[in-house]
Amino acid sequence: MLITKAVQPVIEESWLEVLRSEFEAPYFLSLKSFLVEEKQKYTIFPPGNLIFNAFNTTPLHRVKVVILGQDPYHGPGQAHGLCFSVPAGIDIPPSLRNIFKELHSDLSFQIPNHGNLEKWAREGVLLINATLTVRMSQAGSHQGHGWEIFTDAAIRAISTHSSSVVFLLWGNYAIAKESLIDHEKHLVLKAPHPSPLSASRGFLGCRHFSKTNEYLKKNGREPIDWQI
């Protein structure tokens, strides 16, 4: 069930329960004002109804894996609220191509002709960017306005309220979030970013996907069917 309150967008109930105080915090009210002004001047991605798509597709109580990105894609039609994912019909971005390449090497994954990762999200993979909005054609344009405080709170909520979750931290930006996670309760796997600039320095060959499933099975959880 989705709940709408005057002080926050629509977000799934289990997330609202643990993040309610964030929506009422001064920084979030400032963030909302910033976004209203931005939308008057610029095209903002993703569309408003998809800003919380990751949360609405993967409720807190279903999270088994967290993949953390930095920014939404900033090209037309790309961003739909799930990190690294693009809707079917949109060209597969280079980083996602490398993710698929690693999956093929690791688990004999059959590389699809699209980059829509919604199936992963429904399987329990939270595909969350640290910053949930961006101006068209301006990468990083909404960093430092409050989203990172909100998404850090979401990571802490998973660490506190869940158990046996795998956090896949790719690249220095994601790895910097490691301190938010209780390593006694969860598995943290780190690698370079899958970008073509760094994938060959340790992302390719990291075997994070098979390691994730081994950990989930060892802890009595259903593994992820990565095939899409």
C-alpha atoms as a PDB file:
ATOM      1  CA  MET A   1       0.000   0.000   0.000  1.00  0.00           C
ATOM      2  CA  LEU A   2       1.233   3.507  -0.824  1.00  0.00           C
ATOM      3  CA  ILE A   3       0.682   6.380   1.558  1.00  0.00           C
ATOM      4  CA  THR A   4       0.606  10.056   0.627  1.00  0.00           C
ATOM      5  CA  LYS A   5       1.200  12.809   3.169  1.00  0.00           C
ATOM      6  CA  ALA A   6       1.363  16.533   2.624  1.00  0.00           C
ATOM      7  CA  VAL A   7       5.066  16.685   3.479  1.00  0.00           C
ATOM      8  CA  GLN A   8       6.417  13.934   1.226  1.00  0.00           C
ATOM      9  CA  PRO A   9       5.953  12.264  -2.165  1.00  0.00           C
ATOM     10  CA  VAL A  10       4.349   8.853  -2.489  1.00  0.00           C
ATOM     11  CA  ILE A  11       6.555   6.144  -0.998  1.00  0.00           C
ATOM     12  CA  GLU A  12       5.914   2.548  -0.017  1.00  0.00           C
ATOM     13  CA  GLU A  13       4.621   2.039   3.520  1.00  0.00           C
ATOM     14  CA  SER A  14       7.505   0.056   5.036  1.00  0.00           C
ATOM     15  CA  TRP A  15       9.939   2.752   3.898  1.00  0.00           C
ATOM     16  CA  LEU A  16       7.664   5.518   5.136  1.00  0.00           C
ATOM     17  CA  GLU A  17       7.615   3.884   8.553  1.00  0.00           C
ATOM     18  CA  VAL A  18      11.402   4.118   8.982  1.00  0.00           C
ATOM     19  CA  LEU A  19      12.002   7.352   7.041  1.00  0.00           C
ATOM     20  CA  ARG A  20       9.053   9.430   8.221  1.00  0.00           C
ATOM     21  CA  SER A  21      11.233  11.733  10.324  1.00  0.00           C
ATOM     22  CA  GLU A  22      13.445  12.448   7.276  1.00  0.00           C
ATOM     23  CA  PHE A  23      10.481  13.816   5.330  1.00  0.00           C
ATOM     24  CA  GLU A  24       9.739  16.189   8.198  1.00  0.00           C
ATOM     25  CA  ALA A  25      13.348  17.329   8.722  1.00  0.00           C
ATOM     26  CA  PRO A  26      14.416  20.867   7.767  1.00  0.00           C
ATOM     27  CA  TYR A  27      16.907  19.614   5.169  1.00  0.00           C
ATOM     28  CA  PHE A  28      14.166  17.720   3.318  1.00  0.00           C
ATOM     29  CA  LEU A  29      11.852  20.708   3.303  1.00  0.00           C
ATOM     30  CA  SER A  30      14.723  22.743   1.823  1.00  0.00           C
ATOM     31  CA  LEU A  31      15.300  20.002  -0.736  1.00  0.00           C
ATOM     32  CA  LYS A  32      11.645  20.146  -1.759  1.00  0.00           C
ATOM     33  CA  SER A  33      11.865  23.915  -2.236  1.00  0.00           C
ATOM     34  CA  PHE A  34      15.025  23.481  -4.304  1.00  0.00           C
ATOM     35  CA  LEU A  35      13.297  20.903  -6.535  1.00  0.00           C
ATOM     36  CA  VAL A  36      10.270  23.144  -7.061  1.00  0.00           C
ATOM     37  CA  GLU A  37      12.572  25.950  -8.233  1.00  0.00           C
ATOM     38  CA  GLU A  38      14.595  23.584 -10.419  1.00  0.00           C
ATOM     39  CA  LYS A  39      11.490  22.267 -12.171  1.00  0.00           C
ATOM     40  CA  GLN A  40      10.477  25.824 -13.033  1.00  0.00           C
ATOM     41  CA  LYS A  41      13.792  26.422 -14.817  1.00  0.00           C
ATOM     42  CA  TYR A  42      15.036  23.053 -16.082  1.00  0.00           C
ATOM     43  CA  THR A  43      14.003  19.606 -17.206  1.00  0.00           C
ATOM     44  CA  ILE A  44      14.559  17.250 -14.276  1.00  0.00           C
ATOM     45  CA  PHE A  45      15.067  13.484 -14.403  1.00  0.00           C
ATOM     46  CA  PRO A  46      13.564  11.080 -13.538  1.00  0.00           C
ATOM     47  CA  PRO A  47       9.888  12.105 -13.822  1.00  0.00           C
ATOM     48  CA  GLY A  48       8.382  13.001 -10.454  1.00  0.00           C
ATOM     49  CA  ASN A  49       6.360   9.794 -10.167  1.00  0.00           C
ATOM     50  CA  LEU A  50       9.562   7.732 -10.531  1.00  0.00           C
ATOM     51  CA  ILE A  51      11.840   9.560  -8.075  1.00  0.00           C
ATOM     52  CA  PHE A  52      11.103   6.923  -5.413  1.00  0.00           C
ATOM     53  CA  ASN A  53      10.790   4.022  -7.858  1.00  0.00           C
ATOM     54  CA  ALA A  54      13.545   2.002  -6.156  1.00  0.00           C
ATOM     55  CA  PHE A  55      11.769   2.209  -2.799  1.00  0.00           C
ATOM     56  CA  ASN A  56       8.324   1.513  -4.228  1.00  0.00           C
ATOM     57  CA  THR A  57       9.501  -1.507  -6.235  1.00  0.00           C
ATOM     58  CA  THR A  58      11.609  -2.996  -3.431  1.00  0.00           C
ATOM     59  CA  PRO A  59       9.948  -2.604  -0.001  1.00  0.00           C
ATOM     60  CA  LEU A  60      12.272  -2.557   2.988  1.00  0.00           C
ATOM     61  CA  HIS A  61      11.176  -5.979   4.226  1.00  0.00           C
ATOM     62  CA  ARG A  62      12.066  -7.520   0.842  1.00  0.00           C
ATOM     63  CA  VAL A  63      15.579  -6.065   0.469  1.00  0.00           C
ATOM     64  CA  LYS A  64      18.211  -8.764   0.002  1.00  0.00           C
ATOM     65  CA  VAL A  65      20.822  -6.859  -2.010  1.00  0.00           C
ATOM     66  CA  VAL A  66      21.692  -3.160  -2.265  1.00  0.00           C
ATOM     67  CA  ILE A  67      23.428  -1.727  -5.328  1.00  0.00           C
ATOM     68  CA  LEU A  68      24.379   1.902  -4.832  1.00  0.00           C
ATOM     69  CA  GLY A  69      24.795   4.355  -7.687  1.00  0.00           C
ATOM     70  CA  GLN A  70      25.672   8.030  -7.553  1.00  0.00           C
ATOM     71  CA  ASP A  71      23.374  10.043  -9.888  1.00  0.00           C
ATOM     72  CA  PRO A  72      20.444   9.274 -12.167  1.00  0.00           C
ATOM     73  CA  TYR A  73      21.240   9.201 -15.867  1.00  0.00           C
ATOM     74  CA  HIS A  74      20.855  12.705 -17.288  1.00  0.00           C
ATOM     75  CA  GLY A  75      19.889  11.941 -20.887  1.00  0.00           C
ATOM     76  CA  PRO A  76      16.304  11.996 -22.176  1.00  0.00           C
ATOM     77  CA  GLY A  77      14.382   8.805 -21.484  1.00  0.00           C
ATOM     78  CA  GLN A  78      17.146   7.124 -19.505  1.00  0.00           C
ATOM     79  CA  ALA A  79      16.413   7.631 -15.802  1.00  0.00           C
ATOM     80  CA  HIS A  80      13.506   5.754 -14.250  1.00  0.00           C
ATOM     81  CA  GLY A  81      14.461   5.713 -10.599  1.00  0.00           C
ATOM     82  CA  LEU A  82      16.600   2.549 -10.532  1.00  0.00           C
ATOM     83  CA  CYS A  83      20.377   2.926 -10.527  1.00  0.00           C
ATOM     84  CA  PHE A  84      22.240   1.582 -13.581  1.00  0.00           C
ATOM     85  CA  SER A  85      18.877   0.701 -15.197  1.00  0.00           C
ATOM     86  CA  VAL A  86      17.252   2.185 -18.292  1.00  0.00           C
ATOM     87  CA  PRO A  87      13.814   1.487 -19.768  1.00  0.00           C
ATOM     88  CA  ALA A  88      13.562  -1.053 -22.583  1.00  0.00           C
ATOM     89  CA  GLY A  89      14.217   0.604 -25.929  1.00  0.00           C
ATOM     90  CA  ILE A  90      16.946   2.899 -24.548  1.00  0.00           C
ATOM     91  CA  ASP A  91      20.559   2.109 -25.450  1.00  0.00           C
ATOM     92  CA  ILE A  92      22.318   0.103 -22.736  1.00  0.00           C
ATOM     93  CA  PRO A  93      24.824   2.453 -21.016  1.00  0.00           C
ATOM     94  CA  PRO A  94      28.505   1.423 -20.933  1.00  0.00           C
ATOM     95  CA  SER A  95      28.627   0.700 -17.177  1.00  0.00           C
ATOM     96  CA  LEU A  96      25.599  -1.583 -17.439  1.00  0.00           C
ATOM     97  CA  ARG A  97      27.188  -3.370 -20.393  1.00  0.00           C
ATOM     98  CA  ASN A  98      30.146  -4.158 -18.136  1.00  0.00           C
ATOM     99  CA  ILE A  99      27.799  -5.360 -15.387  1.00  0.00           C
ATOM    100  CA  PHE A 100      26.214  -7.717 -17.908  1.00  0.00           C
ATOM    101  CA  LYS A 101      29.663  -8.800 -19.089  1.00  0.00           C
ATOM    102  CA  GLU A 102      30.661  -9.706 -15.518  1.00  0.00           C
ATOM    103  CA  LEU A 103      27.386 -11.554 -14.977  1.00  0.00           C
ATOM    104  CA  HIS A 104      28.015 -13.565 -18.134  1.00  0.00           C
ATOM    105  CA  SER A 105      31.509 -14.507 -16.946  1.00  0.00           C
ATOM    106  CA  ASP A 106      30.384 -15.216 -13.381  1.00  0.00           C
ATOM    107  CA  LEU A 107      27.060 -17.002 -13.867  1.00  0.00           C
ATOM    108  CA  SER A 108      26.755 -17.698 -17.628  1.00  0.00           C
ATOM    109  CA  PHE A 109      24.191 -14.890 -17.730  1.00  0.00           C
ATOM    110  CA  GLN A 110      22.600 -14.482 -21.149  1.00  0.00           C
ATOM    111  CA  ILE A 111      23.119 -10.827 -22.065  1.00  0.00           C
ATOM    112  CA  PRO A 112      19.743  -9.238 -22.911  1.00  0.00           C
ATOM    113  CA  ASN A 113      18.980  -6.705 -25.621  1.00  0.00           C
ATOM    114  CA  HIS A 114      17.716  -4.146 -23.086  1.00  0.00           C
ATOM    115  CA  GLY A 115      18.849  -2.562 -19.824  1.00  0.00           C
ATOM    116  CA  ASN A 116      15.670  -2.600 -17.728  1.00  0.00           C
ATOM    117  CA  LEU A 117      16.553  -3.989 -14.287  1.00  0.00           C
ATOM    118  CA  GLU A 118      13.037  -3.896 -12.794  1.00  0.00           C
ATOM    119  CA  LYS A 119      13.095  -7.684 -12.445  1.00  0.00           C
ATOM    120  CA  TRP A 120      16.077  -7.393 -10.098  1.00  0.00           C
ATOM    121  CA  ALA A 121      14.208  -4.795  -8.055  1.00  0.00           C
ATOM    122  CA  ARG A 122      11.214  -7.119  -7.713  1.00  0.00           C
ATOM    123  CA  GLU A 123      13.593  -9.911  -6.664  1.00  0.00           C
ATOM    124  CA  GLY A 124      14.803  -7.831  -3.719  1.00  0.00           C
ATOM    125  CA  VAL A 125      17.693  -5.840  -5.216  1.00  0.00           C
ATOM    126  CA  LEU A 126      17.416  -2.221  -4.080  1.00  0.00           C
ATOM    127  CA  LEU A 127      18.802  -0.154  -6.961  1.00  0.00           C
ATOM    128  CA  ILE A 128      19.339   3.188  -5.275  1.00  0.00           C
ATOM    129  CA  ASN A 129      21.231   6.288  -6.319  1.00  0.00           C
ATOM    130  CA  ALA A 130      22.724   8.500  -3.615  1.00  0.00           C
ATOM    131  CA  THR A 131      21.159  11.506  -5.384  1.00  0.00           C
ATOM    132  CA  LEU A 132      17.647  10.834  -6.664  1.00  0.00           C
ATOM    133  CA  THR A 133      17.246  13.650  -9.215  1.00  0.00           C
ATOM    134  CA  VAL A 134      19.349  15.514 -11.784  1.00  0.00           C
ATOM    135  CA  ARG A 135      19.045  18.287 -14.380  1.00  0.00           C
ATOM    136  CA  MET A 136      18.983  17.157 -17.987  1.00  0.00           C
ATOM    137  CA  SER A 137      22.513  17.002 -19.422  1.00  0.00           C
ATOM    138  CA  GLN A 138      24.135  18.151 -16.143  1.00  0.00           C
ATOM    139  CA  ALA A 139      25.601  15.244 -14.206  1.00  0.00           C
ATOM    140  CA  GLY A 140      25.884  15.876 -10.470  1.00  0.00           C
ATOM    141  CA  SER A 141      23.724  18.991 -10.624  1.00  0.00           C
ATOM    142  CA  HIS A 142      21.567  17.953  -7.646  1.00  0.00           C
ATOM    143  CA  GLN A 143      24.366  16.730  -5.413  1.00  0.00           C
ATOM    144  CA  GLY A 144      24.779  18.493  -2.084  1.00  0.00           C
ATOM    145  CA  HIS A 145      21.153  19.613  -1.750  1.00  0.00           C
ATOM    146  CA  GLY A 146      19.975  16.974   0.719  1.00  0.00           C
ATOM    147  CA  TRP A 147      19.379  13.777  -1.204  1.00  0.00           C
ATOM    148  CA  GLU A 148      22.549  12.215   0.188  1.00  0.00           C
ATOM    149  CA  ILE A 149      21.304  12.747   3.752  1.00  0.00           C
ATOM    150  CA  PHE A 150      18.061  10.997   2.847  1.00  0.00           C
ATOM    151  CA  THR A 151      19.661   8.040   1.084  1.00  0.00           C
ATOM    152  CA  ASP A 152      22.244   7.643   3.868  1.00  0.00           C
ATOM    153  CA  ALA A 153      19.286   7.347   6.239  1.00  0.00           C
ATOM    154  CA  ALA A 154      17.820   4.640   3.995  1.00  0.00           C
ATOM    155  CA  ILE A 155      21.088   2.686   4.071  1.00  0.00           C
ATOM    156  CA  ARG A 156      21.203   2.966   7.866  1.00  0.00           C
ATOM    157  CA  ALA A 157      17.589   1.781   8.037  1.00  0.00           C
ATOM    158  CA  ILE A 158      18.447  -1.349   6.060  1.00  0.00           C
ATOM    159  CA  SER A 159      21.478  -1.972   8.249  1.00  0.00           C
ATOM    160  CA  THR A 160      19.388  -1.589  11.414  1.00  0.00           C
ATOM    161  CA  HIS A 161      16.100  -3.249  10.491  1.00  0.00           C
ATOM    162  CA  SER A 162      17.234  -6.015   8.127  1.00  0.00           C
ATOM    163  CA  SER A 163      19.641  -8.920   8.397  1.00  0.00           C
ATOM    164  CA  SER A 164      21.838 -10.835   5.950  1.00  0.00           C
ATOM    165  CA  VAL A 165      21.736  -8.178   3.230  1.00  0.00           C
ATOM    166  CA  VAL A 166      24.511  -7.949   0.628  1.00  0.00           C
ATOM    167  CA  PHE A 167      25.759  -4.437  -0.121  1.00  0.00           C
ATOM    168  CA  LEU A 168      27.537  -4.143  -3.484  1.00  0.00           C
ATOM    169  CA  LEU A 169      29.726  -1.042  -3.355  1.00  0.00           C
ATOM    170  CA  TRP A 170      31.315  -0.265  -6.717  1.00  0.00           C
ATOM    171  CA  GLY A 171      33.670   2.684  -6.983  1.00  0.00           C
ATOM    172  CA  ASN A 172      35.070   5.074  -4.402  1.00  0.00           C
ATOM    173  CA  TYR A 173      31.837   7.021  -4.013  1.00  0.00           C
ATOM    174  CA  ALA A 174      29.858   3.930  -3.052  1.00  0.00           C
ATOM    175  CA  ILE A 175      32.683   2.485  -0.946  1.00  0.00           C
ATOM    176  CA  ALA A 176      32.633   5.673   1.140  1.00  0.00           C
ATOM    177  CA  LYS A 177      29.176   4.578   2.399  1.00  0.00           C
ATOM    178  CA  GLU A 178      30.665   1.483   4.028  1.00  0.00           C
ATOM    179  CA  SER A 179      30.682   3.102   7.480  1.00  0.00           C
ATOM    180  CA  LEU A 180      26.858   3.222   7.439  1.00  0.00           C
ATOM    181  CA  ILE A 181      26.632  -0.585   7.395  1.00  0.00           C
ATOM    182  CA  ASP A 182      26.837  -3.072  10.283  1.00  0.00           C
ATOM    183  CA  HIS A 183      29.373  -5.615   9.050  1.00  0.00           C
ATOM    184  CA  GLU A 184      28.366  -8.082  11.769  1.00  0.00           C
ATOM    185  CA  LYS A 185      24.861  -8.380  10.278  1.00  0.00           C
ATOM    186  CA  HIS A 186      25.534  -7.940   6.574  1.00  0.00           C
ATOM    187  CA  LEU A 187      28.003  -8.706   3.784  1.00  0.00           C
ATOM    188  CA  VAL A 188      29.818  -5.828   2.084  1.00  0.00           C
ATOM    189  CA  LEU A 189      31.479  -6.510  -1.270  1.00  0.00           C
ATOM    190  CA  LYS A 190      33.651  -3.804  -2.823  1.00  0.00           C
ATOM    191  CA  ALA A 191      35.091  -3.351  -6.311  1.00  0.00           C
ATOM    192  CA  PRO A 192      36.052  -0.596  -8.745  1.00  0.00           C
ATOM    193  CA  HIS A 193      33.193   1.053 -10.627  1.00  0.00           C
ATOM    194  CA  PRO A 194      31.917  -0.817 -13.729  1.00  0.00           C
ATOM    195  CA  SER A 195      32.560   2.272 -15.858  1.00  0.00           C
ATOM    196  CA  PRO A 196      34.807   1.594 -18.879  1.00  0.00           C
ATOM    197  CA  LEU A 197      37.360   3.875 -17.190  1.00  0.00           C
ATOM    198  CA  SER A 198      37.805   1.507 -14.237  1.00  0.00           C
ATOM    199  CA  ALA A 199      36.080  -1.837 -14.853  1.00  0.00           C
ATOM    200  CA  SER A 200      39.308  -3.540 -15.922  1.00  0.00           C
ATOM    201  CA  ARG A 201      40.944  -2.615 -12.608  1.00  0.00           C
ATOM    202  CA  GLY A 202      38.968  -5.169 -10.613  1.00  0.00           C
ATOM    203  CA  PHE A 203      35.269  -4.980 -11.380  1.00  0.00           C
ATOM    204  CA  LEU A 204      35.558  -7.481 -14.192  1.00  0.00           C
ATOM    205  CA  GLY A 205      36.372 -10.737 -12.441  1.00  0.00           C
ATOM    206  CA  CYS A 206      35.020  -9.696  -9.019  1.00  0.00           C
ATOM    207  CA  ARG A 207      32.349 -12.445  -9.080  1.00  0.00           C
ATOM    208  CA  HIS A 208      30.082 -10.381  -6.855  1.00  0.00           C
ATOM    209  CA  PHE A 209      26.929 -11.959  -8.231  1.00  0.00           C
ATOM    210  CA  SER A 210      27.816 -15.551  -7.400  1.00  0.00           C
ATOM    211  CA  LYS A 211      29.260 -14.454  -4.053  1.00  0.00           C
ATOM    212  CA  THR A 212      25.988 -12.669  -3.306  1.00  0.00           C
ATOM    213  CA  ASN A 213      23.937 -15.786  -3.978  1.00  0.00           C
ATOM    214  CA  GLU A 214      26.288 -17.995  -1.971  1.00  0.00           C
ATOM    215  CA  TYR A 215      25.895 -15.677   1.022  1.00  0.00           C
ATOM    216  CA  LEU A 216      22.112 -15.490   0.700  1.00  0.00           C
ATOM    217  CA  LYS A 217      21.778 -19.276   0.523  1.00  0.00           C
ATOM    218  CA  LYS A 218      24.157 -19.722   3.459  1.00  0.00           C
ATOM    219  CA  ASN A 219      21.927 -17.403   5.505  1.00  0.00           C
ATOM    220  CA  GLY A 220      18.663 -19.080   4.584  1.00  0.00           C
ATOM    221  CA  ARG A 221      17.544 -16.566   1.967  1.00  0.00           C
ATOM    222  CA  GLU A 222      16.471 -17.190  -1.611  1.00  0.00           C
ATOM    223  CA  PRO A 223      19.233 -16.327  -4.093  1.00  0.00           C
ATOM    224  CA  ILE A 224      18.683 -13.713  -6.771  1.00  0.00           C
ATOM    225  CA  ASP A 225      17.744 -14.876 -10.261  1.00  0.00           C
ATOM    226  CA  TRP A 226      19.883 -12.358 -12.113  1.00  0.00           C
ATOM    227  CA  GLN A 227      18.665 -13.356 -15.557  1.00  0.00           C
ATOM    228  CA  ILE A 228      16.442 -10.725 -17.174  1.00  0.00           C
END
